[in-house]
Amino acid sequence: MNHPKKPIVSAQLSYHNKNFLDGDDARPLRILAEYLEPLSRLKHEEIHDTIVFFGSARIKEDGPLGKYYHDARALAKNLTEWSQNLEGSKRFVICSGGGGGIMEAANRGAAEAGGSTIGFNIGLPHEQRPNPYVTPSLVFEFHYFFMRKLWFSHLARALVVFPGGFGTLDEFMEMLTLAQTKKLDREVIILLYGTEYWDEVLNFNALVKHEVIGAEDLKLIHRVDDVQSAFAFLKERLPKEKEEDFPAIAKIKDTIQQKA
């Protein structure tokens, strides 16, 4: 026996109507919320810019690739201790995808240095639970991958890519494409950490050979193999000055002024 479809009817305000908000018709609202809610919280926390760590959630502290866990932890700690001595609001805050492995290591190192640290988490079937080292007020939960990736790029001044799988490659290539096509309004330093691993996994020279990228595109990537080199490179290249406003707010102000 077929039952008639029950309409979504409510006397409450539409933005309090959970059935509506969870339905297909409200998808644009949910997408917008995954932009505006992080924007509000990050502004409140005075997060000005970030250093993003990418890498596998499957790398264990005592596993075969454990060296990279320890290096990510140490680099995040060094960067956080250094950035805390810079003037202005919170600068170069360590940011990860919020999960385990390299993400956990990065958040852990920043927390051990006494700094704030961000986790842009996303629910996955088997592996993505927020790690305990993310600053509680800076744990974000996303449903949409593309909105999560927007926030990875939105405040990033540098990207450190440790060994990883499909997810790491996806995030890395997206940021690399944005840099190559000049869709970012600022320089984002891209460090590829672990030459031995990445030379086995990726053959960028073959892309140049087949003329699908230019040789100059390889200059977007900087290779590092140890904490000291990565730390020294980032300290030298990261801009010490800061914009007056939270970047996203500054863009809105510029748009309003141009139209006025």
Protein backbone atom coordinates (compact mmCIF):
# COMPACT_ATOMS: atom_id res chain seq x y z
CA MET A 1 0.00 0.00 0.00
CA ASN A 2 1.45 3.40 -0.99
CA HIS A 3 1.32 6.14 1.57
CA PRO A 4 1.16 9.77 0.41
CA LYS A 5 4.38 11.71 0.82
CA LYS A 6 4.25 13.77 3.97
CA PRO A 7 4.75 17.48 3.19
CA ILE A 8 7.23 19.55 5.13
CA VAL A 9 4.84 21.75 7.06
CA SER A 10 5.78 23.74 10.12
CA ALA A 11 4.51 26.76 12.00
CA GLN A 12 8.03 27.57 13.15
CA LEU A 13 10.45 29.94 11.46
CA SER A 14 11.93 28.40 8.31
CA TYR A 15 15.49 28.63 9.64
CA HIS A 16 14.41 26.61 12.68
CA ASN A 17 12.77 23.93 10.53
CA LYS A 18 15.19 21.00 10.66
CA ASN A 19 13.28 18.96 8.08
CA PHE A 20 13.64 21.79 5.59
CA LEU A 21 17.26 22.56 6.43
CA ASP A 22 18.26 18.91 6.00
CA GLY A 23 16.41 18.57 2.69
CA ASP A 24 17.54 19.02 -0.90
CA ASP A 25 15.99 22.46 -1.26
CA ALA A 26 18.19 23.91 1.49
CA ARG A 27 21.49 22.58 0.13
CA PRO A 28 22.63 26.11 -0.90
CA LEU A 29 22.04 27.25 2.68
CA ARG A 30 24.13 24.40 4.07
CA ILE A 31 26.95 25.18 1.66
CA LEU A 32 26.85 28.86 2.62
CA ALA A 33 26.84 27.93 6.31
CA GLU A 34 30.09 25.99 5.82
CA TYR A 35 31.61 29.27 4.67
CA LEU A 36 30.04 31.76 7.07
CA GLU A 37 30.28 29.78 10.32
CA PRO A 38 34.05 29.15 10.04
CA LEU A 39 34.53 32.75 8.92
CA SER A 40 32.78 33.99 12.05
CA ARG A 41 34.70 31.73 14.40
CA LEU A 42 38.11 32.35 12.84
CA LYS A 43 37.55 36.09 12.97
CA HIS A 44 36.51 35.84 16.62
CA GLU A 45 39.66 33.84 17.39
CA GLU A 46 41.76 36.46 15.53
CA ILE A 47 43.32 33.87 13.24
CA HIS A 48 45.07 35.89 10.57
CA ASP A 49 46.86 33.32 8.42
CA THR A 50 47.81 29.65 8.47
CA ILE A 51 50.43 27.07 7.58
CA VAL A 52 48.64 23.99 6.29
CA PHE A 53 49.98 20.47 6.81
CA PHE A 54 48.80 17.71 4.46
CA GLY A 55 49.66 14.03 4.80
CA SER A 56 48.30 10.57 5.36
CA ALA A 57 45.96 9.76 8.24
CA ARG A 58 47.44 6.24 8.18
CA ILE A 59 51.00 7.12 9.16
CA LYS A 60 51.59 5.96 12.72
CA GLU A 61 54.05 7.35 15.22
CA ASP A 62 55.75 3.94 15.52
CA GLY A 63 55.01 2.68 11.99
CA PRO A 64 57.21 2.22 8.91
CA LEU A 65 56.80 5.89 7.96
CA GLY A 66 56.95 7.07 11.56
CA LYS A 67 59.86 9.41 10.77
CA TYR A 68 57.43 11.67 8.96
CA TYR A 69 55.09 11.76 11.96
CA HIS A 70 57.95 12.90 14.21
CA ASP A 71 59.16 15.44 11.65
CA ALA A 72 55.69 16.94 11.20
CA ARG A 73 55.31 17.23 14.95
CA ALA A 74 58.71 18.89 15.37
CA LEU A 75 58.24 21.30 12.46
CA ALA A 76 54.81 22.38 13.68
CA LYS A 77 56.22 22.96 17.15
CA ASN A 78 59.14 25.04 15.85
CA LEU A 79 56.90 27.15 13.63
CA THR A 80 54.43 27.80 16.43
CA GLU A 81 57.12 28.86 18.88
CA TRP A 82 58.54 31.23 16.26
CA SER A 83 55.19 32.69 15.19
CA GLN A 84 54.16 33.46 18.76
CA ASN A 85 56.90 36.09 18.86
CA LEU A 86 55.57 37.96 15.83
CA GLU A 87 53.50 41.11 16.25
CA GLY A 88 49.79 41.24 15.61
CA SER A 89 46.96 38.76 15.82
CA LYS A 90 47.60 35.04 15.66
CA ARG A 91 50.01 34.48 12.78
CA PHE A 92 50.85 31.35 10.82
CA VAL A 93 48.59 29.10 12.88
CA ILE A 94 49.16 25.41 12.18
CA CYS A 95 46.20 23.95 10.31
CA SER A 96 45.44 20.37 9.34
CA GLY A 97 42.54 18.21 8.22
CA GLY A 98 41.96 17.42 11.88
CA GLY A 99 42.36 13.64 11.65
CA GLY A 100 45.07 11.17 12.59
CA GLY A 101 48.54 10.49 11.23
CA ILE A 102 50.36 13.52 9.86
CA MET A 103 47.39 15.72 10.71
CA GLU A 104 47.54 14.64 14.35
CA ALA A 105 51.31 15.16 14.40
CA ALA A 106 51.00 18.74 13.16
CA ASN A 107 48.27 19.68 15.63
CA ARG A 108 50.18 17.92 18.40
CA GLY A 109 53.39 19.86 17.79
CA ALA A 110 51.56 23.18 17.73
CA ALA A 111 49.68 22.33 20.94
CA GLU A 112 52.92 21.33 22.66
CA ALA A 113 54.30 24.78 21.82
CA GLY A 114 51.28 26.34 23.55
CA GLY A 115 49.73 27.70 20.37
CA SER A 116 46.29 27.58 18.84
CA THR A 117 45.89 24.98 16.12
CA ILE A 118 43.11 24.34 13.60
CA GLY A 119 41.44 21.13 12.45
CA PHE A 120 39.21 21.21 9.36
CA ASN A 121 37.67 17.79 9.86
CA ILE A 122 35.36 15.88 7.56
CA GLY A 123 33.39 12.74 8.39
CA LEU A 124 34.57 9.66 6.46
CA PRO A 125 33.40 6.04 6.74
CA HIS A 126 36.57 4.53 8.18
CA GLU A 127 39.15 7.04 9.32
CA GLN A 128 38.48 10.68 10.08
CA ARG A 129 37.77 11.54 13.65
CA PRO A 130 39.03 14.81 15.17
CA ASN A 131 42.33 14.27 16.95
CA PRO A 132 42.63 15.45 20.57
CA TYR A 133 45.31 18.09 19.88
CA VAL A 134 43.18 20.56 17.92
CA THR A 135 42.24 23.65 19.93
CA PRO A 136 38.63 22.94 21.00
CA SER A 137 37.28 26.23 19.68
CA LEU A 138 39.01 25.60 16.34
CA VAL A 139 37.58 22.16 15.52
CA PHE A 140 35.46 22.47 12.38
CA GLU A 141 33.28 19.73 10.91
CA PHE A 142 32.54 19.77 7.18
CA HIS A 143 30.17 17.79 5.01
CA TYR A 144 31.27 19.21 1.66
CA PHE A 145 34.83 18.46 0.51
CA PHE A 146 34.95 21.56 -1.67
CA MET A 147 34.09 23.88 1.22
CA ARG A 148 36.73 22.24 3.38
CA LYS A 149 39.30 22.77 0.62
CA LEU A 150 38.23 26.39 0.28
CA TRP A 151 39.16 26.94 3.92
CA PHE A 152 42.50 25.18 3.48
CA SER A 153 43.39 27.73 0.81
CA HIS A 154 41.57 30.81 2.17
CA LEU A 155 44.10 31.80 4.84
CA ALA A 156 47.10 29.71 3.83
CA ARG A 157 50.51 31.30 3.50
CA ALA A 158 52.35 28.00 3.24
CA LEU A 159 51.59 24.37 2.56
CA VAL A 160 53.73 21.46 3.79
CA VAL A 161 52.89 18.21 2.02
CA PHE A 162 54.04 15.05 3.78
CA PRO A 163 53.67 11.55 2.30
CA GLY A 164 50.06 10.58 1.75
CA GLY A 165 47.53 8.85 -0.47
CA PHE A 166 44.53 9.86 -2.55
CA GLY A 167 43.33 12.58 -0.18
CA THR A 168 46.76 14.17 0.15
CA LEU A 169 47.29 14.08 -3.62
CA ASP A 170 43.86 15.61 -4.21
CA GLU A 171 44.46 18.48 -1.79
CA PHE A 172 48.04 19.05 -2.96
CA MET A 173 47.14 19.10 -6.66
CA GLU A 174 44.25 21.48 -6.08
CA MET A 175 46.51 23.98 -4.29
CA LEU A 176 49.21 23.51 -6.93
CA THR A 177 46.67 24.20 -9.70
CA LEU A 178 45.44 27.34 -7.92
CA ALA A 179 49.03 28.57 -7.65
CA GLN A 180 49.85 27.69 -11.28
CA THR A 181 46.75 29.45 -12.63
CA LYS A 182 47.24 32.42 -10.31
CA LYS A 183 43.83 32.03 -8.71
CA LEU A 184 45.33 32.83 -5.31
CA ASP A 185 45.67 36.52 -4.47
CA ARG A 186 48.97 35.96 -2.66
CA GLU A 187 51.98 33.68 -2.77
CA VAL A 188 51.48 30.35 -1.04
CA ILE A 189 54.75 28.53 -0.39
CA ILE A 190 54.47 24.83 -1.27
CA LEU A 191 56.93 22.45 0.39
CA LEU A 192 57.03 18.82 -0.68
CA TYR A 193 58.43 16.96 2.31
CA GLY A 194 60.27 13.68 1.67
CA THR A 195 62.11 13.55 -1.67
CA GLU A 196 62.55 9.77 -1.70
CA TYR A 197 58.84 9.15 -1.22
CA TRP A 198 57.59 11.77 -3.66
CA ASP A 199 60.10 10.92 -6.41
CA GLU A 200 58.78 7.37 -6.33
CA VAL A 201 55.13 8.44 -6.36
CA LEU A 202 55.19 11.44 -8.73
CA ASN A 203 57.22 12.10 -11.87
CA PHE A 204 56.90 15.81 -12.51
CA ASN A 205 59.76 15.75 -15.03
CA ALA A 206 57.64 13.45 -17.21
CA LEU A 207 54.93 16.12 -17.29
CA VAL A 208 57.50 18.62 -18.54
CA LYS A 209 58.86 16.11 -21.07
CA HIS A 210 55.39 15.56 -22.53
CA GLU A 211 54.80 19.33 -22.52
CA VAL A 212 51.65 19.22 -20.41
CA ILE A 213 53.24 21.63 -17.92
CA GLY A 214 56.08 24.10 -18.36
CA ALA A 215 59.49 23.77 -16.75
CA GLU A 216 58.80 27.00 -14.88
CA ASP A 217 55.83 25.35 -13.15
CA LEU A 218 58.24 23.18 -11.20
CA LYS A 219 59.45 26.32 -9.44
CA LEU A 220 56.15 26.36 -7.55
CA ILE A 221 57.36 23.35 -5.55
CA HIS A 222 60.20 23.36 -3.04
CA ARG A 223 61.58 20.03 -1.83
CA VAL A 224 62.73 19.49 1.74
CA ASP A 225 63.91 16.45 3.66
CA ASP A 226 64.48 17.55 7.22
CA VAL A 227 62.92 19.76 9.86
CA GLN A 228 65.78 22.25 10.01
CA SER A 229 65.73 22.97 6.27
CA ALA A 230 61.94 23.29 6.17
CA PHE A 231 61.88 25.59 9.19
CA ALA A 232 64.68 27.83 7.86
CA PHE A 233 63.05 28.09 4.43
CA LEU A 234 59.65 29.06 5.81
CA LYS A 235 61.08 31.59 8.27
CA GLU A 236 62.95 33.28 5.44
CA ARG A 237 60.10 33.31 2.90
CA LEU A 238 56.97 33.93 4.98
CA PRO A 239 55.86 37.59 5.03
CA LYS A 240 56.33 39.17 8.44
CA GLU A 241 53.89 42.01 7.81
CA LYS A 242 50.15 41.45 8.06
CA GLU A 243 47.08 43.00 6.53
CA GLU A 244 45.04 45.25 8.80
CA ASP A 245 41.85 43.23 8.50
CA PHE A 246 40.92 39.59 8.51
CA PRO A 247 41.57 38.79 4.79
CA ALA A 248 38.04 37.68 3.90
CA ILE A 249 36.58 40.82 5.51
CA ALA A 250 39.12 42.99 3.68
CA LYS A 251 37.98 41.53 0.34
CA ILE A 252 34.34 42.34 1.16
CA LYS A 253 35.30 45.91 2.06
CA ASP A 254 37.21 46.34 -1.20
CA THR A 255 34.21 45.11 -3.19
CA ILE A 256 31.88 47.54 -1.43
CA GLN A 257 34.27 50.46 -1.99
CA GLN A 258 34.63 49.66 -5.69
CA LYS A 259 30.86 49.66 -6.16
CA ALA A 260 30.28 52.82 -4.12
